[in-house]
Amino acid sequence: MKLQEIVLRTMRLPLVRPYVLSYRTFTEFEPIIVEVRDGDGRVGWGEGHISPGSSRETRDGGWAFCYEHAAAIIGKDTSEAKAIIASDVVSSRVAATALLTAIEMLEGHPLLTVTSDVRLPLLTPFNSSEPAEIEQEVDQRLEDGFRTFKIKVGKAVDDDTRRVKAIQRAIAGRGTMRLDANRAYSEADACRFAATLDPREALDNVRKCGMESVLGDGLSSELGCWMEACVARITIGNAGEFNGFLKPKMRLFVEPLQFVAGGIALPSGYTPTIDANALAAHQTASERFAPTKTGWSAQIS
């Protein structure tokens, strides 16, 4: 299977409400979307969202990585193409993931084939800070079907402590909390914060059962969330973090991912089709690569 066409796109997806992290507040997602096609009309899609401040990767660097490697792999067999990308994955892990997953979808990777109906619980981000608002948001999220709350901390230990305790009181045993500092605490602040928590036997259960992985990216659009959900159905047993598809004002799929009672529902046989109109409406730049007799060509739009 040879790569006959590669299209790189940058997107701008406005959010329903700001998404607050310890190092940045997002009002829109700006992923790189990769489209690959073979000579028989099959298509694969991949997504990479580089979050400035989260790592040393930059959006410009990710785009440059995709451009360089798309030029290097166009016209090549998919196995050779993946090897070329994988050999340089440390240069930009997010951009490499976008390219690799697009090729794996093109190849029909078995993890992306849903053979039976699946329901996967999601966690929900939590936004409120004031006591009355906290109680209201907890009740609303529970009514929506969520049972795992993701609390962003990492700014000021004392403020984080007060807020987390207020949220824990409002939940009152009806759900669990997952705390994420995005590496923003110093070692001393992290220890001070952890010492104030009321574990309610959670730590004992963790020790008895062993650590369990979490999976998902709250910054992914529908494309990345679908792929993560496909992998999650056989790899984790807790609430997934692949809830990014609920945050933009629009969806990328013709048949959007189904959100049911706090989770993703994947019907048997479900494979998404990208909405070309939605893609075009939110695209900010694109490059198309195709093989020629003398090498390859790129077309900018």
C-alpha atoms as a PDB file:
ATOM      1  CA  MET A   1       0.000   0.000   0.000  1.00  0.00           C
ATOM      2  CA  LYS A   2       1.603   3.231  -1.188  1.00  0.00           C
ATOM      3  CA  LEU A   3       0.914   6.792  -0.090  1.00  0.00           C
ATOM      4  CA  GLN A   4      -0.475   8.592  -3.137  1.00  0.00           C
ATOM      5  CA  GLU A   5      -1.632  11.781  -1.423  1.00  0.00           C
ATOM      6  CA  ILE A   6      -0.948  13.550   1.868  1.00  0.00           C
ATOM      7  CA  VAL A   7      -2.770  16.697   2.978  1.00  0.00           C
ATOM      8  CA  LEU A   8      -1.672  18.634   6.057  1.00  0.00           C
ATOM      9  CA  ARG A   9      -4.043  21.130   7.635  1.00  0.00           C
ATOM     10  CA  THR A  10      -3.991  23.485  10.567  1.00  0.00           C
ATOM     11  CA  MET A  11      -7.378  24.143  12.145  1.00  0.00           C
ATOM     12  CA  ARG A  12      -8.984  26.651  14.466  1.00  0.00           C
ATOM     13  CA  LEU A  13     -11.877  25.220  16.507  1.00  0.00           C
ATOM     14  CA  PRO A  14     -13.576  27.766  18.824  1.00  0.00           C
ATOM     15  CA  LEU A  15     -14.655  26.344  22.186  1.00  0.00           C
ATOM     16  CA  VAL A  16     -18.037  26.493  23.876  1.00  0.00           C
ATOM     17  CA  ARG A  17     -16.359  27.927  26.979  1.00  0.00           C
ATOM     18  CA  PRO A  18     -12.726  28.641  27.950  1.00  0.00           C
ATOM     19  CA  TYR A  19     -10.722  25.580  28.984  1.00  0.00           C
ATOM     20  CA  VAL A  20      -8.496  26.515  31.915  1.00  0.00           C
ATOM     21  CA  LEU A  21      -5.194  24.734  32.608  1.00  0.00           C
ATOM     22  CA  SER A  22      -2.515  25.681  35.109  1.00  0.00           C
ATOM     23  CA  TYR A  23      -0.242  27.018  32.369  1.00  0.00           C
ATOM     24  CA  ARG A  24      -2.727  28.334  29.774  1.00  0.00           C
ATOM     25  CA  THR A  25      -6.398  29.090  29.113  1.00  0.00           C
ATOM     26  CA  PHE A  26      -7.688  27.886  25.749  1.00  0.00           C
ATOM     27  CA  THR A  27     -10.520  29.589  23.873  1.00  0.00           C
ATOM     28  CA  GLU A  28      -9.954  27.449  20.772  1.00  0.00           C
ATOM     29  CA  PHE A  29      -8.170  24.269  19.742  1.00  0.00           C
ATOM     30  CA  GLU A  30      -5.593  24.498  16.938  1.00  0.00           C
ATOM     31  CA  PRO A  31      -4.737  20.943  15.892  1.00  0.00           C
ATOM     32  CA  ILE A  32      -2.779  19.688  12.912  1.00  0.00           C
ATOM     33  CA  ILE A  33      -4.975  17.327  10.886  1.00  0.00           C
ATOM     34  CA  VAL A  34      -3.291  14.818   8.568  1.00  0.00           C
ATOM     35  CA  GLU A  35      -5.105  13.150   5.658  1.00  0.00           C
ATOM     36  CA  VAL A  36      -3.463  10.287   3.737  1.00  0.00           C
ATOM     37  CA  ARG A  37      -4.782   8.369   0.727  1.00  0.00           C
ATOM     38  CA  ASP A  38      -3.637   5.387  -1.310  1.00  0.00           C
ATOM     39  CA  GLY A  39      -4.169   4.630  -4.996  1.00  0.00           C
ATOM     40  CA  ASP A  40      -7.396   2.698  -4.361  1.00  0.00           C
ATOM     41  CA  GLY A  41      -9.237   5.574  -2.695  1.00  0.00           C
ATOM     42  CA  ARG A  42      -8.770   4.479   0.911  1.00  0.00           C
ATOM     43  CA  VAL A  43      -8.264   7.297   3.393  1.00  0.00           C
ATOM     44  CA  GLY A  44      -6.752   7.686   6.842  1.00  0.00           C
ATOM     45  CA  TRP A  45      -6.831  10.593   9.262  1.00  0.00           C
ATOM     46  CA  GLY A  46      -4.638  11.653  12.158  1.00  0.00           C
ATOM     47  CA  GLU A  47      -4.589  14.525  14.635  1.00  0.00           C
ATOM     48  CA  GLY A  48      -1.976  16.232  16.760  1.00  0.00           C
ATOM     49  CA  HIS A  49      -2.622  19.131  19.124  1.00  0.00           C
ATOM     50  CA  ILE A  50       0.543  20.813  20.371  1.00  0.00           C
ATOM     51  CA  SER A  51      -0.218  22.678  23.581  1.00  0.00           C
ATOM     52  CA  PRO A  52       2.204  25.628  23.981  1.00  0.00           C
ATOM     53  CA  GLY A  53       3.748  25.508  27.425  1.00  0.00           C
ATOM     54  CA  SER A  54       3.062  21.829  27.997  1.00  0.00           C
ATOM     55  CA  SER A  55       6.376  20.685  26.532  1.00  0.00           C
ATOM     56  CA  ARG A  56       9.271  21.900  24.401  1.00  0.00           C
ATOM     57  CA  GLU A  57       7.272  21.269  21.221  1.00  0.00           C
ATOM     58  CA  THR A  58       5.951  24.279  19.333  1.00  0.00           C
ATOM     59  CA  ARG A  59       3.220  24.528  16.738  1.00  0.00           C
ATOM     60  CA  ASP A  60       5.632  25.907  14.151  1.00  0.00           C
ATOM     61  CA  GLY A  61       8.015  23.064  14.885  1.00  0.00           C
ATOM     62  CA  GLY A  62       5.224  20.493  14.611  1.00  0.00           C
ATOM     63  CA  TRP A  63       4.128  21.878  11.257  1.00  0.00           C
ATOM     64  CA  ALA A  64       7.724  21.844  10.002  1.00  0.00           C
ATOM     65  CA  PHE A  65       8.089  18.207  11.132  1.00  0.00           C
ATOM     66  CA  CYS A  66       4.908  17.198   9.276  1.00  0.00           C
ATOM     67  CA  TYR A  67       5.982  19.075   6.128  1.00  0.00           C
ATOM     68  CA  GLU A  68       9.458  17.549   6.110  1.00  0.00           C
ATOM     69  CA  HIS A  69       8.248  14.017   6.703  1.00  0.00           C
ATOM     70  CA  ALA A  70       5.287  14.207   4.324  1.00  0.00           C
ATOM     71  CA  ALA A  71       7.771  15.158   1.599  1.00  0.00           C
ATOM     72  CA  ALA A  72       9.991  12.232   2.612  1.00  0.00           C
ATOM     73  CA  ILE A  73       7.282   9.543   2.648  1.00  0.00           C
ATOM     74  CA  ILE A  74       4.996  10.483  -0.257  1.00  0.00           C
ATOM     75  CA  GLY A  75       4.906   7.663  -2.810  1.00  0.00           C
ATOM     76  CA  LYS A  76       6.418   5.180  -0.365  1.00  0.00           C
ATOM     77  CA  ASP A  77       4.950   2.001   1.066  1.00  0.00           C
ATOM     78  CA  THR A  78       3.147   2.586   4.365  1.00  0.00           C
ATOM     79  CA  SER A  79       5.504   0.299   6.301  1.00  0.00           C
ATOM     80  CA  GLU A  80       8.552   2.205   5.043  1.00  0.00           C
ATOM     81  CA  ALA A  81       6.815   5.516   5.724  1.00  0.00           C
ATOM     82  CA  LYS A  82       6.103   4.580   9.344  1.00  0.00           C
ATOM     83  CA  ALA A  83       9.698   3.512   9.861  1.00  0.00           C
ATOM     84  CA  ILE A  84      10.963   6.862   8.550  1.00  0.00           C
ATOM     85  CA  ILE A  85       8.664   8.801  10.900  1.00  0.00           C
ATOM     86  CA  ALA A  86       9.353   6.551  13.896  1.00  0.00           C
ATOM     87  CA  SER A  87      13.112   6.976  13.482  1.00  0.00           C
ATOM     88  CA  ASP A  88      12.712  10.703  14.199  1.00  0.00           C
ATOM     89  CA  VAL A  89       9.793  10.652  16.626  1.00  0.00           C
ATOM     90  CA  VAL A  90      11.696  12.444  19.403  1.00  0.00           C
ATOM     91  CA  SER A  91      11.862  15.605  17.282  1.00  0.00           C
ATOM     92  CA  SER A  92       8.121  16.177  17.649  1.00  0.00           C
ATOM     93  CA  ARG A  93       6.128  13.427  19.314  1.00  0.00           C
ATOM     94  CA  VAL A  94       2.737  15.052  18.750  1.00  0.00           C
ATOM     95  CA  ALA A  95       3.327  15.735  15.057  1.00  0.00           C
ATOM     96  CA  ALA A  96       4.732  12.227  14.579  1.00  0.00           C
ATOM     97  CA  THR A  97       1.629  10.772  16.219  1.00  0.00           C
ATOM     98  CA  ALA A  98      -0.619  12.672  13.788  1.00  0.00           C
ATOM     99  CA  LEU A  99       1.233  11.191  10.805  1.00  0.00           C
ATOM    100  CA  LEU A 100       1.541   7.669  12.211  1.00  0.00           C
ATOM    101  CA  THR A 101      -2.093   7.324  13.271  1.00  0.00           C
ATOM    102  CA  ALA A 102      -3.285   8.586   9.875  1.00  0.00           C
ATOM    103  CA  ILE A 103      -1.238   5.860   8.175  1.00  0.00           C
ATOM    104  CA  GLU A 104      -2.459   3.213  10.644  1.00  0.00           C
ATOM    105  CA  MET A 105      -6.069   4.166   9.935  1.00  0.00           C
ATOM    106  CA  LEU A 106      -5.351   3.906   6.200  1.00  0.00           C
ATOM    107  CA  GLU A 107      -3.946   0.428   6.779  1.00  0.00           C
ATOM    108  CA  GLY A 108      -7.058  -0.609   8.708  1.00  0.00           C
ATOM    109  CA  HIS A 109      -5.460  -1.087  12.124  1.00  0.00           C
ATOM    110  CA  PRO A 110      -7.554  -3.670  14.039  1.00  0.00           C
ATOM    111  CA  LEU A 111      -7.832  -1.474  17.148  1.00  0.00           C
ATOM    112  CA  LEU A 112      -9.939   0.972  15.115  1.00  0.00           C
ATOM    113  CA  THR A 113     -12.475  -1.710  14.164  1.00  0.00           C
ATOM    114  CA  VAL A 114     -15.423  -1.692  16.583  1.00  0.00           C
ATOM    115  CA  THR A 115     -17.006  -5.148  16.487  1.00  0.00           C
ATOM    116  CA  SER A 116     -19.679  -4.658  19.165  1.00  0.00           C
ATOM    117  CA  ASP A 117     -21.540  -1.809  20.856  1.00  0.00           C
ATOM    118  CA  VAL A 118     -19.342  -0.082  23.431  1.00  0.00           C
ATOM    119  CA  ARG A 119     -20.032   2.422  26.224  1.00  0.00           C
ATOM    120  CA  LEU A 120     -17.003   4.167  27.711  1.00  0.00           C
ATOM    121  CA  PRO A 121     -17.317   6.466  30.746  1.00  0.00           C
ATOM    122  CA  LEU A 122     -15.708   9.886  30.511  1.00  0.00           C
ATOM    123  CA  LEU A 123     -14.455  12.236  33.167  1.00  0.00           C
ATOM    124  CA  THR A 124     -15.585  15.842  33.135  1.00  0.00           C
ATOM    125  CA  PRO A 125     -13.441  18.943  33.574  1.00  0.00           C
ATOM    126  CA  PHE A 126     -14.484  21.149  36.471  1.00  0.00           C
ATOM    127  CA  ASN A 127     -14.550  24.946  36.226  1.00  0.00           C
ATOM    128  CA  SER A 128     -16.209  26.542  39.265  1.00  0.00           C
ATOM    129  CA  SER A 129     -14.368  28.147  42.173  1.00  0.00           C
ATOM    130  CA  GLU A 130     -16.994  29.803  44.368  1.00  0.00           C
ATOM    131  CA  PRO A 131     -18.875  27.580  46.884  1.00  0.00           C
ATOM    132  CA  ALA A 132     -22.367  28.139  45.469  1.00  0.00           C
ATOM    133  CA  GLU A 133     -21.146  27.645  41.900  1.00  0.00           C
ATOM    134  CA  ILE A 134     -19.250  24.515  42.926  1.00  0.00           C
ATOM    135  CA  GLU A 135     -22.364  22.870  44.346  1.00  0.00           C
ATOM    136  CA  GLN A 136     -24.385  23.798  41.278  1.00  0.00           C
ATOM    137  CA  GLU A 137     -21.779  22.463  38.851  1.00  0.00           C
ATOM    138  CA  VAL A 138     -21.355  19.215  40.791  1.00  0.00           C
ATOM    139  CA  ASP A 139     -25.107  18.580  40.703  1.00  0.00           C
ATOM    140  CA  GLN A 140     -25.315  19.402  36.987  1.00  0.00           C
ATOM    141  CA  ARG A 141     -22.391  17.156  36.062  1.00  0.00           C
ATOM    142  CA  LEU A 142     -23.868  14.277  38.066  1.00  0.00           C
ATOM    143  CA  GLU A 143     -27.203  14.792  36.338  1.00  0.00           C
ATOM    144  CA  ASP A 144     -25.357  14.642  32.980  1.00  0.00           C
ATOM    145  CA  GLY A 145     -24.097  11.200  33.962  1.00  0.00           C
ATOM    146  CA  PHE A 146     -20.491  11.964  34.909  1.00  0.00           C
ATOM    147  CA  ARG A 147     -18.993  10.188  37.908  1.00  0.00           C
ATOM    148  CA  THR A 148     -15.349  11.291  37.643  1.00  0.00           C
ATOM    149  CA  PHE A 149     -14.371  14.950  38.063  1.00  0.00           C
ATOM    150  CA  LYS A 150     -11.035  16.262  36.799  1.00  0.00           C
ATOM    151  CA  ILE A 151      -9.785  19.116  38.958  1.00  0.00           C
ATOM    152  CA  LYS A 152      -7.000  21.320  37.640  1.00  0.00           C
ATOM    153  CA  VAL A 153      -4.604  22.514  40.346  1.00  0.00           C
ATOM    154  CA  GLY A 154      -1.038  23.825  40.297  1.00  0.00           C
ATOM    155  CA  LYS A 155      -1.394  27.588  40.696  1.00  0.00           C
ATOM    156  CA  ALA A 156      -1.489  28.416  44.435  1.00  0.00           C
ATOM    157  CA  VAL A 157      -1.398  25.647  47.017  1.00  0.00           C
ATOM    158  CA  ASP A 158      -3.670  27.280  49.614  1.00  0.00           C
ATOM    159  CA  ASP A 159      -6.287  28.302  47.041  1.00  0.00           C
ATOM    160  CA  ASP A 160      -6.130  24.859  45.414  1.00  0.00           C
ATOM    161  CA  THR A 161      -6.584  23.193  48.802  1.00  0.00           C
ATOM    162  CA  ARG A 162      -9.681  25.238  49.682  1.00  0.00           C
ATOM    163  CA  ARG A 163     -11.228  24.637  46.266  1.00  0.00           C
ATOM    164  CA  VAL A 164     -10.562  20.886  46.232  1.00  0.00           C
ATOM    165  CA  LYS A 165     -12.022  20.458  49.723  1.00  0.00           C
ATOM    166  CA  ALA A 166     -15.145  22.400  48.699  1.00  0.00           C
ATOM    167  CA  ILE A 167     -15.575  20.216  45.610  1.00  0.00           C
ATOM    168  CA  GLN A 168     -15.048  17.047  47.628  1.00  0.00           C
ATOM    169  CA  ARG A 169     -17.726  18.149  50.112  1.00  0.00           C
ATOM    170  CA  ALA A 170     -20.145  18.896  47.272  1.00  0.00           C
ATOM    171  CA  ILE A 171     -19.551  15.523  45.613  1.00  0.00           C
ATOM    172  CA  ALA A 172     -20.184  13.840  48.968  1.00  0.00           C
ATOM    173  CA  GLY A 173     -19.171  10.377  47.839  1.00  0.00           C
ATOM    174  CA  ARG A 174     -21.289  10.431  44.670  1.00  0.00           C
ATOM    175  CA  GLY A 175     -18.243  10.479  42.393  1.00  0.00           C
ATOM    176  CA  THR A 176     -14.460  10.492  42.359  1.00  0.00           C
ATOM    177  CA  MET A 177     -11.908  13.229  41.715  1.00  0.00           C
ATOM    178  CA  ARG A 178      -8.828  13.113  39.517  1.00  0.00           C
ATOM    179  CA  LEU A 179      -6.345  15.912  40.286  1.00  0.00           C
ATOM    180  CA  ASP A 180      -4.013  17.282  37.612  1.00  0.00           C
ATOM    181  CA  ALA A 181      -1.347  19.927  38.301  1.00  0.00           C
ATOM    182  CA  ASN A 182       0.128  19.858  34.765  1.00  0.00           C
ATOM    183  CA  ARG A 183       3.605  19.698  36.360  1.00  0.00           C
ATOM    184  CA  ALA A 184       3.129  23.241  37.698  1.00  0.00           C
ATOM    185  CA  TYR A 185       3.937  22.602  41.382  1.00  0.00           C
ATOM    186  CA  SER A 186       7.417  22.689  42.813  1.00  0.00           C
ATOM    187  CA  GLU A 187       8.369  19.578  44.780  1.00  0.00           C
ATOM    188  CA  ALA A 188       7.767  21.373  48.088  1.00  0.00           C
ATOM    189  CA  ASP A 189       4.354  22.714  47.013  1.00  0.00           C
ATOM    190  CA  ALA A 190       3.303  19.315  45.658  1.00  0.00           C
ATOM    191  CA  CYS A 191       4.123  17.650  48.973  1.00  0.00           C
ATOM    192  CA  ARG A 192       2.335  20.387  50.922  1.00  0.00           C
ATOM    193  CA  PHE A 193      -0.760  20.088  48.734  1.00  0.00           C
ATOM    194  CA  ALA A 194      -0.864  16.279  48.884  1.00  0.00           C
ATOM    195  CA  ALA A 195      -0.578  16.355  52.682  1.00  0.00           C
ATOM    196  CA  THR A 196      -3.821  18.360  52.947  1.00  0.00           C
ATOM    197  CA  LEU A 197      -5.990  15.947  50.964  1.00  0.00           C
ATOM    198  CA  ASP A 198      -8.659  13.751  52.509  1.00  0.00           C
ATOM    199  CA  PRO A 199      -8.117  10.471  50.629  1.00  0.00           C
ATOM    200  CA  ARG A 200     -11.288   8.731  51.932  1.00  0.00           C
ATOM    201  CA  GLU A 201      -9.589   5.355  51.604  1.00  0.00           C
ATOM    202  CA  ALA A 202      -8.641   5.995  47.976  1.00  0.00           C
ATOM    203  CA  LEU A 203      -4.942   5.472  48.602  1.00  0.00           C
ATOM    204  CA  ASP A 204      -5.602   2.165  50.347  1.00  0.00           C
ATOM    205  CA  ASN A 205      -7.590   0.962  47.359  1.00  0.00           C
ATOM    206  CA  VAL A 206      -4.867   2.052  44.961  1.00  0.00           C
ATOM    207  CA  ARG A 207      -2.295   0.065  46.917  1.00  0.00           C
ATOM    208  CA  LYS A 208      -4.517  -3.023  47.006  1.00  0.00           C
ATOM    209  CA  CYS A 209      -5.439  -2.930  43.328  1.00  0.00           C
ATOM    210  CA  GLY A 210      -2.224  -1.563  41.824  1.00  0.00           C
ATOM    211  CA  MET A 211      -1.827   1.599  39.777  1.00  0.00           C
ATOM    212  CA  GLU A 212      -4.119   1.884  36.766  1.00  0.00           C
ATOM    213  CA  SER A 213      -3.332   3.861  33.629  1.00  0.00           C
ATOM    214  CA  VAL A 214      -5.424   6.772  32.440  1.00  0.00           C
ATOM    215  CA  LEU A 215      -5.889   7.456  28.752  1.00  0.00           C
ATOM    216  CA  GLY A 216      -6.977  10.414  26.669  1.00  0.00           C
ATOM    217  CA  ASP A 217      -6.312  14.013  25.776  1.00  0.00           C
ATOM    218  CA  GLY A 218      -8.775  16.718  26.769  1.00  0.00           C
ATOM    219  CA  LEU A 219      -7.280  18.892  24.008  1.00  0.00           C
ATOM    220  CA  SER A 220      -8.170  16.491  21.174  1.00  0.00           C
ATOM    221  CA  SER A 221     -10.962  17.094  18.704  1.00  0.00           C
ATOM    222  CA  GLU A 222     -13.443  14.429  17.661  1.00  0.00           C
ATOM    223  CA  LEU A 223     -10.856  12.619  15.541  1.00  0.00           C
ATOM    224  CA  GLY A 224      -8.327  12.087  18.312  1.00  0.00           C
ATOM    225  CA  CYS A 225     -11.030  11.248  20.853  1.00  0.00           C
ATOM    226  CA  TRP A 226     -12.491   8.545  18.587  1.00  0.00           C
ATOM    227  CA  MET A 227      -9.098   6.884  18.195  1.00  0.00           C
ATOM    228  CA  GLU A 228      -8.413   7.054  21.925  1.00  0.00           C
ATOM    229  CA  ALA A 229     -11.831   5.576  22.685  1.00  0.00           C
ATOM    230  CA  CYS A 230     -11.143   2.685  20.309  1.00  0.00           C
ATOM    231  CA  VAL A 231      -7.914   1.923  22.166  1.00  0.00           C
ATOM    232  CA  ALA A 232      -9.478   2.487  25.603  1.00  0.00           C
ATOM    233  CA  ARG A 233     -12.150  -0.186  25.124  1.00  0.00           C
ATOM    234  CA  ILE A 234      -9.524  -2.907  25.574  1.00  0.00           C
ATOM    235  CA  THR A 235      -6.859  -1.149  27.655  1.00  0.00           C
ATOM    236  CA  ILE A 236      -8.423   0.718  30.614  1.00  0.00           C
ATOM    237  CA  GLY A 237     -11.270   0.252  33.035  1.00  0.00           C
ATOM    238  CA  ASN A 238     -11.622   3.770  34.409  1.00  0.00           C
ATOM    239  CA  ALA A 239     -13.078   7.017  33.091  1.00  0.00           C
ATOM    240  CA  GLY A 240     -11.394   8.171  29.913  1.00  0.00           C
ATOM    241  CA  GLU A 241      -9.902  11.619  29.450  1.00  0.00           C
ATOM    242  CA  PHE A 242     -10.859  11.702  25.756  1.00  0.00           C
ATOM    243  CA  ASN A 243     -13.545  14.349  26.293  1.00  0.00           C
ATOM    244  CA  GLY A 244     -12.065  17.056  24.070  1.00  0.00           C
ATOM    245  CA  PHE A 245     -14.739  16.502  21.416  1.00  0.00           C
ATOM    246  CA  LEU A 246     -17.328  18.028  23.769  1.00  0.00           C
ATOM    247  CA  LYS A 247     -15.476  21.365  24.015  1.00  0.00           C
ATOM    248  CA  PRO A 248     -15.491  22.874  20.469  1.00  0.00           C
ATOM    249  CA  LYS A 249     -18.636  24.497  19.121  1.00  0.00           C
ATOM    250  CA  MET A 250     -18.566  22.241  16.069  1.00  0.00           C
ATOM    251  CA  ARG A 251     -17.894  18.595  15.202  1.00  0.00           C
ATOM    252  CA  LEU A 252     -15.667  17.156  12.488  1.00  0.00           C
ATOM    253  CA  PHE A 253     -17.662  13.977  11.796  1.00  0.00           C
ATOM    254  CA  VAL A 254     -20.682  13.611   9.527  1.00  0.00           C
ATOM    255  CA  GLU A 255     -22.092  11.265  12.179  1.00  0.00           C
ATOM    256  CA  PRO A 256     -20.786  12.845  15.414  1.00  0.00           C
ATOM    257  CA  LEU A 257     -19.504  10.802  18.323  1.00  0.00           C
ATOM    258  CA  GLN A 258     -22.398   9.916  20.598  1.00  0.00           C
ATOM    259  CA  PHE A 259     -22.335  11.286  24.139  1.00  0.00           C
ATOM    260  CA  VAL A 260     -24.669   9.280  26.388  1.00  0.00           C
ATOM    261  CA  ALA A 261     -25.021   9.552  30.178  1.00  0.00           C
ATOM    262  CA  GLY A 262     -21.509  10.762  30.842  1.00  0.00           C
ATOM    263  CA  GLY A 263     -19.726   8.606  28.283  1.00  0.00           C
ATOM    264  CA  ILE A 264     -18.964   7.832  24.634  1.00  0.00           C
ATOM    265  CA  ALA A 265     -21.142   5.270  22.861  1.00  0.00           C
ATOM    266  CA  LEU A 266     -19.492   3.498  19.918  1.00  0.00           C
ATOM    267  CA  PRO A 267     -21.966   1.449  17.862  1.00  0.00           C
ATOM    268  CA  SER A 268     -20.771  -1.800  16.315  1.00  0.00           C
ATOM    269  CA  GLY A 269     -19.125  -1.136  12.960  1.00  0.00           C
ATOM    270  CA  TYR A 270     -18.793   2.602  13.540  1.00  0.00           C
ATOM    271  CA  THR A 271     -16.129   4.283  11.408  1.00  0.00           C
ATOM    272  CA  PRO A 272     -16.266   8.062  11.152  1.00  0.00           C
ATOM    273  CA  THR A 273     -16.491  10.101   7.958  1.00  0.00           C
ATOM    274  CA  ILE A 274     -14.958  13.569   8.053  1.00  0.00           C
ATOM    275  CA  ASP A 275     -17.346  16.428   7.260  1.00  0.00           C
ATOM    276  CA  ALA A 276     -15.606  18.198   4.358  1.00  0.00           C
ATOM    277  CA  ASN A 277     -17.619  21.387   4.878  1.00  0.00           C
ATOM    278  CA  ALA A 278     -16.703  21.594   8.558  1.00  0.00           C
ATOM    279  CA  LEU A 279     -13.072  20.935   7.687  1.00  0.00           C
ATOM    280  CA  ALA A 280     -12.989  23.700   5.080  1.00  0.00           C
ATOM    281  CA  ALA A 281     -14.824  26.185   7.309  1.00  0.00           C
ATOM    282  CA  HIS A 282     -12.261  25.897  10.128  1.00  0.00           C
ATOM    283  CA  GLN A 283      -9.065  25.340   8.171  1.00  0.00           C
ATOM    284  CA  THR A 284      -6.374  28.005   8.531  1.00  0.00           C
ATOM    285  CA  ALA A 285      -3.696  26.546   6.235  1.00  0.00           C
ATOM    286  CA  SER A 286      -3.042  23.421   4.183  1.00  0.00           C
ATOM    287  CA  GLU A 287      -0.379  21.652   2.125  1.00  0.00           C
ATOM    288  CA  ARG A 288      -1.018  18.855  -0.362  1.00  0.00           C
ATOM    289  CA  PHE A 289       1.707  16.375  -1.344  1.00  0.00           C
ATOM    290  CA  ALA A 290       1.503  14.058  -4.355  1.00  0.00           C
ATOM    291  CA  PRO A 291       4.140  11.973  -6.153  1.00  0.00           C
ATOM    292  CA  THR A 292       5.393  13.018  -9.576  1.00  0.00           C
ATOM    293  CA  LYS A 293       7.700  11.383 -12.095  1.00  0.00           C
ATOM    294  CA  THR A 294      10.607  13.388 -10.714  1.00  0.00           C
ATOM    295  CA  GLY A 295       9.788  13.214  -7.014  1.00  0.00           C
ATOM    296  CA  TRP A 296       6.895  14.974  -5.310  1.00  0.00           C
ATOM    297  CA  SER A 297       4.966  18.224  -5.467  1.00  0.00           C
ATOM    298  CA  ALA A 298       3.414  20.417  -2.778  1.00  0.00           C
ATOM    299  CA  GLN A 299       0.443  22.709  -3.223  1.00  0.00           C
ATOM    300  CA  ILE A 300      -0.213  25.460  -0.674  1.00  0.00           C
ATOM    301  CA  SER A 301      -3.683  26.831   0.092  1.00  0.00           C
END
